[in-house]
PDB file of N, CA and C in Angstrom:
ATOM      1  N   MET A   1     125.684  10.850  -8.470  1.00  0.00           N
ATOM      2  CA  MET A   1     127.066  10.613  -8.981  1.00  0.00           C
ATOM      3  C   MET A   1     127.209  11.387 -10.351  1.00  0.00           C
ATOM      4  N   PRO A   2     128.620  12.104 -10.889  1.00  0.00           N
ATOM      5  CA  PRO A   2     128.846  12.353 -11.829  1.00  0.00           C
ATOM      6  C   PRO A   2     128.355  11.969 -13.025  1.00  0.00           C
ATOM      7  N   LEU A   3     127.645  12.656 -13.825  1.00  0.00           N
ATOM      8  CA  LEU A   3     127.372  12.302 -15.448  1.00  0.00           C
ATOM      9  C   LEU A   3     128.636  11.589 -15.791  1.00  0.00           C
ATOM     10  N   ASP A   4     129.889  12.027 -16.112  1.00  0.00           N
ATOM     11  CA  ASP A   4     131.139  11.415 -16.655  1.00  0.00           C
ATOM     12  C   ASP A   4     131.036  10.148 -15.869  1.00  0.00           C
ATOM     13  N   LEU A   5     131.145   9.926 -14.807  1.00  0.00           N
ATOM     14  CA  LEU A   5     131.105   8.502 -14.512  1.00  0.00           C
ATOM     15  C   LEU A   5     129.943   7.602 -14.661  1.00  0.00           C
ATOM     16  N   VAL A   6     128.767   8.321 -15.134  1.00  0.00           N
ATOM     17  CA  VAL A   6     127.830   7.170 -15.316  1.00  0.00           C
ATOM     18  C   VAL A   6     128.111   6.795 -16.872  1.00  0.00           C
ATOM     19  N   ASN A   7     128.264   7.445 -17.342  1.00  0.00           N
ATOM     20  CA  ASN A   7     129.032   7.588 -19.187  1.00  0.00           C
ATOM     21  C   ASN A   7     129.911   6.373 -19.057  1.00  0.00           C
ATOM     22  N   TYR A   8     131.045   6.530 -18.076  1.00  0.00           N
ATOM     23  CA  TYR A   8     132.091   5.936 -18.301  1.00  0.00           C
ATOM     24  C   TYR A   8     131.895   4.473 -18.179  1.00  0.00           C
ATOM     25  N   GLN A   9     131.083   4.354 -16.651  1.00  0.00           N
ATOM     26  CA  GLN A   9     130.567   2.957 -16.318  1.00  0.00           C
ATOM     27  C   GLN A   9     129.810   1.750 -17.097  1.00  0.00           C
ATOM     28  N   THR A  10     129.000   3.151 -17.651  1.00  0.00           N
ATOM     29  CA  THR A  10     127.609   2.531 -18.954  1.00  0.00           C
ATOM     30  C   THR A  10     128.667   1.935 -20.059  1.00  0.00           C
ATOM     31  N   ARG A  11     129.932   2.529 -20.478  1.00  0.00           N
ATOM     32  CA  ARG A  11     130.377   2.591 -21.596  1.00  0.00           C
ATOM     33  C   ARG A  11     131.163   1.280 -21.511  1.00  0.00           C
ATOM     34  N   MET A  12     131.841   0.864 -20.269  1.00  0.00           N
ATOM     35  CA  MET A  12     132.784  -0.031 -19.819  1.00  0.00           C
ATOM     36  C   MET A  12     131.788  -1.659 -18.984  1.00  0.00           C
ATOM     37  N   LEU A  13     130.566  -1.517 -19.390  1.00  0.00           N
ATOM     38  CA  LEU A  13     129.508  -2.724 -19.138  1.00  0.00           C
ATOM     39  C   LEU A  13     129.284  -3.267 -20.468  1.00  0.00           C
ATOM     40  N   THR A  14     128.925  -2.195 -21.394  1.00  0.00           N
ATOM     41  CA  THR A  14     128.329  -2.590 -22.919  1.00  0.00           C
ATOM     42  C   THR A  14     129.564  -3.078 -23.477  1.00  0.00           C
ATOM     43  N   MET A  15     130.818  -2.939 -23.478  1.00  0.00           N
ATOM     44  CA  MET A  15     131.963  -3.214 -24.458  1.00  0.00           C
ATOM     45  C   MET A  15     132.403  -4.734 -24.301  1.00  0.00           C
ATOM     46  N   ILE A  16     133.042  -5.159 -25.277  1.00  0.00           N
ATOM     47  CA  ILE A  16     133.813  -6.521 -24.830  1.00  0.00           C
ATOM     48  C   ILE A  16     135.383  -6.062 -25.047  1.00  0.00           C
ATOM     49  N   LYS A  17     135.740  -7.079 -24.125  1.00  0.00           N
ATOM     50  CA  LYS A  17     137.341  -6.750 -23.940  1.00  0.00           C
ATOM     51  C   LYS A  17     138.136  -8.352 -24.177  1.00  0.00           C
ATOM     52  N   VAL A  18     138.643  -8.392 -25.255  1.00  0.00           N
ATOM     53  CA  VAL A  18     139.592  -9.312 -25.714  1.00  0.00           C
ATOM     54  C   VAL A  18     141.003  -9.353 -25.850  1.00  0.00           C
ATOM     55  N   ASN A  19     141.697 -10.352 -25.617  1.00  0.00           N
ATOM     56  CA  ASN A  19     143.181 -10.310 -25.884  1.00  0.00           C
ATOM     57  C   ASN A  19     142.983 -10.410 -27.802  1.00  0.00           C
ATOM     58  N   ILE A  20     144.433  -9.949 -28.165  1.00  0.00           N
ATOM     59  CA  ILE A  20     144.874  -9.863 -29.381  1.00  0.00           C
ATOM     60  C   ILE A  20     144.471 -11.421 -30.168  1.00  0.00           C
ATOM     61  N   ALA A  21     144.918 -12.427 -29.916  1.00  0.00           N
ATOM     62  CA  ALA A  21     144.890 -14.080 -30.375  1.00  0.00           C
ATOM     63  C   ALA A  21     143.266 -13.964 -30.514  1.00  0.00           C
ATOM     64  N   GLU A  22     142.107 -13.476 -29.572  1.00  0.00           N
ATOM     65  CA  GLU A  22     140.873 -13.896 -29.537  1.00  0.00           C
ATOM     66  C   GLU A  22     140.223 -12.780 -30.772  1.00  0.00           C
ATOM     67  N   ALA A  23     141.014 -11.574 -30.647  1.00  0.00           N
ATOM     68  CA  ALA A  23     140.202 -10.495 -31.611  1.00  0.00           C
ATOM     69  C   ALA A  23     141.133 -11.181 -33.077  1.00  0.00           C
ATOM     70  N   LYS A  24     141.964 -11.923 -33.193  1.00  0.00           N
ATOM     71  CA  LYS A  24     142.227 -12.042 -34.717  1.00  0.00           C
ATOM     72  C   LYS A  24     141.375 -13.182 -34.882  1.00  0.00           C
ATOM     73  N   ALA A  25     141.122 -14.353 -33.902  1.00  0.00           N
ATOM     74  CA  ALA A  25     140.040 -15.360 -34.225  1.00  0.00           C
ATOM     75  C   ALA A  25     138.724 -14.859 -34.472  1.00  0.00           C
ATOM     76  N   HIS A  26     138.126 -14.073 -33.984  1.00  0.00           N
ATOM     77  CA  HIS A  26     136.754 -13.868 -33.878  1.00  0.00           C
ATOM     78  C   HIS A  26     135.972 -12.235 -34.105  1.00  0.00           C
ATOM     79  N   LEU A  27     137.132 -11.778 -35.123  1.00  0.00           N
ATOM     80  CA  LEU A  27     136.856 -10.140 -35.581  1.00  0.00           C
ATOM     81  C   LEU A  27     135.677 -10.387 -36.308  1.00  0.00           C
ATOM     82  N   SER A  28     135.166 -10.876 -37.271  1.00  0.00           N
ATOM     83  CA  SER A  28     134.141 -10.929 -37.603  1.00  0.00           C
ATOM     84  C   SER A  28     132.816 -10.917 -37.086  1.00  0.00           C
ATOM     85  N   ARG A  29     132.630 -11.506 -35.810  1.00  0.00           N
ATOM     86  CA  ARG A  29     131.500 -11.991 -34.733  1.00  0.00           C
ATOM     87  C   ARG A  29     131.832 -11.103 -34.079  1.00  0.00           C
ATOM     88  N   PHE A  30     132.693  -9.949 -33.412  1.00  0.00           N
ATOM     89  CA  PHE A  30     132.392  -9.001 -32.730  1.00  0.00           C
ATOM     90  C   PHE A  30     131.792  -7.711 -33.716  1.00  0.00           C
ATOM     91  N   LEU A  31     132.752  -7.291 -34.797  1.00  0.00           N
ATOM     92  CA  LEU A  31     132.123  -6.670 -35.613  1.00  0.00           C
ATOM     93  C   LEU A  31     130.395  -6.710 -36.117  1.00  0.00           C
ATOM     94  N   GLU A  32     130.103  -7.661 -36.157  1.00  0.00           N
ATOM     95  CA  GLU A  32     128.203  -8.452 -36.608  1.00  0.00           C
ATOM     96  C   GLU A  32     127.916  -7.491 -34.702  1.00  0.00           C
ATOM     97  N   ARG A  33     128.086  -7.681 -34.290  1.00  0.00           N
ATOM     98  CA  ARG A  33     127.285  -7.439 -32.611  1.00  0.00           C
ATOM     99  C   ARG A  33     127.252  -6.002 -32.576  1.00  0.00           C
ATOM    100  N   GLY A  34     128.191  -5.411 -33.356  1.00  0.00           N
ATOM    101  CA  GLY A  34     127.803  -3.564 -33.631  1.00  0.00           C
ATOM    102  C   GLY A  34     128.335  -2.997 -32.104  1.00  0.00           C
ATOM    103  N   GLU A  35     128.865  -3.308 -31.375  1.00  0.00           N
ATOM    104  CA  GLU A  35     129.613  -3.257 -29.992  1.00  0.00           C
ATOM    105  C   GLU A  35     130.850  -2.594 -29.965  1.00  0.00           C
ATOM    106  N   THR A  36     131.285  -1.983 -29.003  1.00  0.00           N
ATOM    107  CA  THR A  36     132.459  -1.194 -28.663  1.00  0.00           C
ATOM    108  C   THR A  36     133.452  -2.878 -28.423  1.00  0.00           C
ATOM    109  N   VAL A  37     134.762  -2.640 -29.014  1.00  0.00           N
ATOM    110  CA  VAL A  37     135.371  -4.099 -28.336  1.00  0.00           C
ATOM    111  C   VAL A  37     136.960  -3.269 -28.191  1.00  0.00           C
ATOM    112  N   VAL A  38     137.046  -3.452 -27.053  1.00  0.00           N
ATOM    113  CA  VAL A  38     138.366  -3.151 -26.871  1.00  0.00           C
ATOM    114  C   VAL A  38     139.536  -4.460 -26.409  1.00  0.00           C
ATOM    115  N   ILE A  39     140.643  -4.396 -27.018  1.00  0.00           N
ATOM    116  CA  ILE A  39     141.723  -5.369 -27.779  1.00  0.00           C
ATOM    117  C   ILE A  39     142.671  -4.796 -26.603  1.00  0.00           C
ATOM    118  N   CYS A  40     143.134  -6.131 -25.853  1.00  0.00           N
ATOM    119  CA  CYS A  40     143.832  -6.102 -25.029  1.00  0.00           C
ATOM    120  C   CYS A  40     145.411  -6.815 -25.443  1.00  0.00           C
ATOM    121  N   LYS A  41     146.603  -6.488 -24.552  1.00  0.00           N
ATOM    122  CA  LYS A  41     147.528  -7.234 -24.999  1.00  0.00           C
ATOM    123  C   LYS A  41     147.829  -7.749 -23.618  1.00  0.00           C
ATOM    124  N   ARG A  42     147.867  -8.648 -23.311  1.00  0.00           N
ATOM    125  CA  ARG A  42     148.315  -9.330 -22.142  1.00  0.00           C
ATOM    126  C   ARG A  42     147.355  -8.511 -20.625  1.00  0.00           C
ATOM    127  N   ASN A  43     146.162  -8.538 -21.207  1.00  0.00           N
ATOM    128  CA  ASN A  43     145.279  -8.030 -20.571  1.00  0.00           C
ATOM    129  C   ASN A  43     144.831  -6.336 -20.268  1.00  0.00           C
ATOM    130  N   VAL A  44     145.826  -5.797 -21.177  1.00  0.00           N
ATOM    131  CA  VAL A  44     146.574  -4.561 -20.449  1.00  0.00           C
ATOM    132  C   VAL A  44     145.666  -3.811 -22.075  1.00  0.00           C
ATOM    133  N   PRO A  45     144.313  -2.882 -22.106  1.00  0.00           N
ATOM    134  CA  PRO A  45     144.151  -2.269 -23.162  1.00  0.00           C
ATOM    135  C   PRO A  45     144.984  -1.755 -24.030  1.00  0.00           C
ATOM    136  N   ILE A  46     145.112  -1.862 -25.334  1.00  0.00           N
ATOM    137  CA  ILE A  46     146.044  -1.327 -26.284  1.00  0.00           C
ATOM    138  C   ILE A  46     144.992  -0.441 -27.306  1.00  0.00           C
ATOM    139  N   ALA A  47     143.881  -0.794 -27.529  1.00  0.00           N
ATOM    140  CA  ALA A  47     143.204  -0.388 -28.529  1.00  0.00           C
ATOM    141  C   ALA A  47     141.842  -0.729 -28.664  1.00  0.00           C
ATOM    142  N   GLU A  48     140.748   0.521 -29.035  1.00  0.00           N
ATOM    143  CA  GLU A  48     138.881  -0.053 -29.319  1.00  0.00           C
ATOM    144  C   GLU A  48     138.688   0.292 -30.653  1.00  0.00           C
ATOM    145  N   LEU A  49     137.814  -0.963 -30.815  1.00  0.00           N
ATOM    146  CA  LEU A  49     136.758  -0.416 -32.115  1.00  0.00           C
ATOM    147  C   LEU A  49     135.488  -0.059 -31.602  1.00  0.00           C
ATOM    148  N   ARG A  50     135.559   0.900 -32.253  1.00  0.00           N
ATOM    149  CA  ARG A  50     133.765   0.893 -32.274  1.00  0.00           C
ATOM    150  C   ARG A  50     133.149   1.005 -33.576  1.00  0.00           C
ATOM    151  N   PRO A  51     131.515   0.792 -33.417  1.00  0.00           N
ATOM    152  CA  PRO A  51     131.005   0.843 -34.422  1.00  0.00           C
ATOM    153  C   PRO A  51     130.995   2.437 -35.309  1.00  0.00           C
ATOM    154  N   LEU A  52     130.634   2.745 -36.417  1.00  0.00           N
ATOM    155  CA  LEU A  52     130.212   3.753 -37.261  1.00  0.00           C
ATOM    156  C   LEU A  52     128.627   4.214 -37.103  1.00  0.00           C
ATOM    157  N   PRO A  53     128.809   5.481 -36.651  1.00  0.00           N
ATOM    158  CA  PRO A  53     127.168   5.802 -36.534  1.00  0.00           C
ATOM    159  C   PRO A  53     126.288   5.120 -37.710  1.00  0.00           C
ATOM    160  N   LYS A  54     124.985   4.911 -37.922  1.00  0.00           N
ATOM    161  CA  LYS A  54     124.128   4.527 -39.069  1.00  0.00           C
ATOM    162  C   LYS A  54     123.905   5.567 -40.105  1.00  0.00           C
ATOM    163  N   GLN A  55     124.292   5.050 -41.352  1.00  0.00           N
ATOM    164  CA  GLN A  55     124.139   5.975 -42.100  1.00  0.00           C
ATOM    165  C   GLN A  55     122.456   6.375 -42.490  1.00  0.00           C
ATOM    166  N   SER A  56     121.971   7.897 -42.643  1.00  0.00           N
ATOM    167  CA  SER A  56     120.313   7.823 -42.901  1.00  0.00           C
ATOM    168  C   SER A  56     120.051   7.141 -44.151  1.00  0.00           C
ATOM    169  N   ARG A  57     119.031   6.524 -44.161  1.00  0.00           N
ATOM    170  CA  ARG A  57     118.561   6.531 -45.216  1.00  0.00           C
ATOM    171  C   ARG A  57     117.548   7.352 -46.245  1.00  0.00           C
ATOM    172  N   ARG A  58     117.078   8.348 -45.289  1.00  0.00           N
ATOM    173  CA  ARG A  58     116.084   9.207 -45.792  1.00  0.00           C
ATOM    174  C   ARG A  58     117.155  10.128 -46.491  1.00  0.00           C
ATOM    175  N   ALA A  59     116.143  10.862 -47.948  1.00  0.00           N
ATOM    176  CA  ALA A  59     117.040  11.657 -48.932  1.00  0.00           C
ATOM    177  C   ALA A  59     116.910  13.030 -48.094  1.00  0.00           C
ATOM    178  N   ARG A  60     118.281  13.825 -48.243  1.00  0.00           N
ATOM    179  CA  ARG A  60     118.657  14.934 -47.729  1.00  0.00           C
ATOM    180  C   ARG A  60     117.504  16.121 -48.078  1.00  0.00           C
ATOM    181  N   PRO A  61     116.840  16.870 -47.681  1.00  0.00           N
ATOM    182  CA  PRO A  61     116.363  18.156 -48.537  1.00  0.00           C
ATOM    183  C   PRO A  61     116.677  19.046 -48.993  1.00  0.00           C
ATOM    184  N   VAL A  62     116.392  19.570 -50.188  1.00  0.00           N
ATOM    185  CA  VAL A  62     117.341  20.266 -50.944  1.00  0.00           C
ATOM    186  C   VAL A  62     116.552  21.659 -50.726  1.00  0.00           C
ATOM    187  N   GLY A  63     117.497  22.507 -50.750  1.00  0.00           N
ATOM    188  CA  GLY A  63     116.938  23.991 -50.746  1.00  0.00           C
ATOM    189  C   GLY A  63     116.760  24.614 -49.329  1.00  0.00           C
ATOM    190  N   LEU A  64     117.245  24.117 -47.945  1.00  0.00           N
ATOM    191  CA  LEU A  64     117.032  24.559 -46.766  1.00  0.00           C
ATOM    192  C   LEU A  64     117.678  25.796 -46.436  1.00  0.00           C
ATOM    193  N   ALA A  65     118.901  26.207 -47.194  1.00  0.00           N
ATOM    194  CA  ALA A  65     119.221  27.510 -46.968  1.00  0.00           C
ATOM    195  C   ALA A  65     118.800  28.499 -48.238  1.00  0.00           C
ATOM    196  N   LYS A  66     118.296  28.037 -48.833  1.00  0.00           N
ATOM    197  CA  LYS A  66     117.859  29.119 -49.770  1.00  0.00           C
ATOM    198  C   LYS A  66     117.351  30.593 -49.325  1.00  0.00           C
ATOM    199  N   GLY A  67     118.157  31.495 -50.024  1.00  0.00           N
ATOM    200  CA  GLY A  67     117.770  33.053 -49.972  1.00  0.00           C
ATOM    201  C   GLY A  67     118.873  33.298 -48.451  1.00  0.00           C
ATOM    202  N   THR A  68     119.588  32.456 -48.112  1.00  0.00           N
ATOM    203  CA  THR A  68     120.529  32.913 -47.159  1.00  0.00           C
ATOM    204  C   THR A  68     121.810  33.557 -47.294  1.00  0.00           C
ATOM    205  N   PHE A  69     121.940  33.262 -48.483  1.00  0.00           N
ATOM    206  CA  PHE A  69     123.627  33.605 -49.282  1.00  0.00           C
ATOM    207  C   PHE A  69     123.331  33.845 -50.338  1.00  0.00           C
ATOM    208  N   LYS A  70     124.129  35.175 -50.651  1.00  0.00           N
ATOM    209  CA  LYS A  70     123.898  35.873 -52.165  1.00  0.00           C
ATOM    210  C   LYS A  70     125.603  35.714 -52.213  1.00  0.00           C
ATOM    211  N   VAL A  71     125.805  34.984 -53.793  1.00  0.00           N
ATOM    212  CA  VAL A  71     127.003  35.176 -54.509  1.00  0.00           C
ATOM    213  C   VAL A  71     127.520  36.332 -54.655  1.00  0.00           C
ATOM    214  N   PRO A  72     128.377  36.999 -54.391  1.00  0.00           N
ATOM    215  CA  PRO A  72     129.113  38.280 -54.550  1.00  0.00           C
ATOM    216  C   PRO A  72     129.415  38.201 -56.481  1.00  0.00           C
ATOM    217  N   ARG A  73     129.042  39.355 -56.962  1.00  0.00           N
ATOM    218  CA  ARG A  73     129.123  39.619 -58.479  1.00  0.00           C
ATOM    219  C   ARG A  73     131.000  38.979 -58.902  1.00  0.00           C
ATOM    220  N   LYS A  74     132.033  39.562 -57.705  1.00  0.00           N
ATOM    221  CA  LYS A  74     133.357  39.509 -57.994  1.00  0.00           C
ATOM    222  C   LYS A  74     133.475  38.458 -58.295  1.00  0.00           C
ATOM    223  N   PHE A  75     132.662  37.433 -57.393  1.00  0.00           N
ATOM    224  CA  PHE A  75     133.221  35.620 -57.357  1.00  0.00           C
ATOM    225  C   PHE A  75     133.571  35.321 -59.041  1.00  0.00           C
ATOM    226  N   PHE A  76     132.727  35.578 -59.435  1.00  0.00           N
ATOM    227  CA  PHE A  76     132.767  35.287 -61.002  1.00  0.00           C
ATOM    228  C   PHE A  76     133.557  36.072 -61.655  1.00  0.00           C
ATOM    229  N   ALA A  77     134.410  36.998 -61.643  1.00  0.00           N
ATOM    230  CA  ALA A  77     135.422  37.620 -62.054  1.00  0.00           C
ATOM    231  C   ALA A  77     136.790  36.812 -62.487  1.00  0.00           C
ATOM    232  N   PRO A  78     137.564  36.833 -63.450  1.00  0.00           N
ATOM    233  CA  PRO A  78     138.792  36.473 -63.309  1.00  0.00           C
ATOM    234  C   PRO A  78     139.645  36.741 -62.140  1.00  0.00           C
ATOM    235  N   LEU A  79     140.577  35.266 -62.131  1.00  0.00           N
ATOM    236  CA  LEU A  79     141.291  35.506 -61.075  1.00  0.00           C
ATOM    237  C   LEU A  79     142.664  36.220 -61.596  1.00  0.00           C
ATOM    238  N   PRO A  80     143.376  37.017 -60.839  1.00  0.00           N
ATOM    239  CA  PRO A  80     144.492  37.532 -61.028  1.00  0.00           C
ATOM    240  C   PRO A  80     145.754  37.063 -61.280  1.00  0.00           C
ATOM    241  N   ASP A  81     146.491  37.332 -62.666  1.00  0.00           N
ATOM    242  CA  ASP A  81     147.411  36.734 -63.019  1.00  0.00           C
ATOM    243  C   ASP A  81     148.389  36.175 -62.230  1.00  0.00           C
ATOM    244  N   GLY A  82     148.785  36.876 -61.188  1.00  0.00           N
ATOM    245  CA  GLY A  82     149.648  36.337 -60.412  1.00  0.00           C
ATOM    246  C   GLY A  82     149.134  35.241 -59.254  1.00  0.00           C
ATOM    247  N   LEU A  83     148.126  34.735 -59.139  1.00  0.00           N
ATOM    248  CA  LEU A  83     147.421  33.777 -58.470  1.00  0.00           C
ATOM    249  C   LEU A  83     147.189  32.830 -59.406  1.00  0.00           C
ATOM    250  N   ILE A  84     146.891  32.840 -60.790  1.00  0.00           N
ATOM    251  CA  ILE A  84     146.727  31.378 -61.572  1.00  0.00           C
ATOM    252  C   ILE A  84     148.190  31.303 -62.012  1.00  0.00           C
ATOM    253  N   ALA A  85     149.283  32.034 -61.584  1.00  0.00           N
ATOM    254  CA  ALA A  85     150.934  31.367 -62.170  1.00  0.00           C
ATOM    255  C   ALA A  85     151.227  30.836 -60.900  1.00  0.00           C
ATOM    256  N   ALA A  86     150.428  31.238 -59.439  1.00  0.00           N
ATOM    257  CA  ALA A  86     151.058  30.466 -58.455  1.00  0.00           C
ATOM    258  C   ALA A  86     150.375  28.958 -58.206  1.00  0.00           C
ATOM    259  N   PHE A  87     149.189  29.207 -58.548  1.00  0.00           N
ATOM    260  CA  PHE A  87     148.632  27.675 -58.982  1.00  0.00           C
ATOM    261  C   PHE A  87     149.378  26.806 -60.212  1.00  0.00           C
ATOM    262  N   GLU A  88     149.748  27.242 -61.102  1.00  0.00           N
ATOM    263  CA  GLU A  88     150.598  26.709 -62.058  1.00  0.00           C
ATOM    264  C   GLU A  88     152.094  26.059 -61.940  1.00  0.00           C
ATOM    265  N   GLY A  89     152.081  26.929 -60.574  1.00  0.00           N
ATOM    266  CA  GLY A  89     153.748  26.331 -59.752  1.00  0.00           C
ATOM    267  C   GLY A  89     154.870  27.173 -60.819  1.00  0.00           C
ATOM    268  N   LYS A  90     154.421  28.390 -61.173  1.00  0.00           N
ATOM    269  CA  LYS A  90     155.149  29.270 -62.083  1.00  0.00           C
ATOM    270  C   LYS A  90     155.608  30.717 -60.814  1.00  0.00           C
ATOM    271  N   ASP A  91     156.570  31.364 -61.361  1.00  0.00           N
ATOM    272  CA  ASP A  91     156.870  32.360 -60.224  1.00  0.00           C
ATOM    273  C   ASP A  91     156.049  33.813 -61.099  1.00  0.00           C
ATOM    274  N   GLY A  92     155.607  34.189 -60.332  1.00  0.00           N
ATOM    275  CA  GLY A  92     154.520  35.328 -60.927  1.00  0.00           C
ATOM    276  C   GLY A  92     155.206  36.723 -60.717  1.00  0.00           C
TER     277      GLY A  92
END
């Protein structure tokens, strides 16, 4: 069985299908479960609600790219007058 078909079947088996009225009445319950909810209109799927990925609670490490990039000196040079005028909406 192709992998795409397996993923599709797994997704279809783990999601909840509800009509609009039921989604309105029980939306908070469906969201608490953390499952994918397919909202249907007259049993025809029209929308899908999916849970967002869990946020990592670990602190992000600082300095992983240290030494891989050096800011060139010209980065700190003043911008040309024409570019500054363009940012200010003036004709340069």
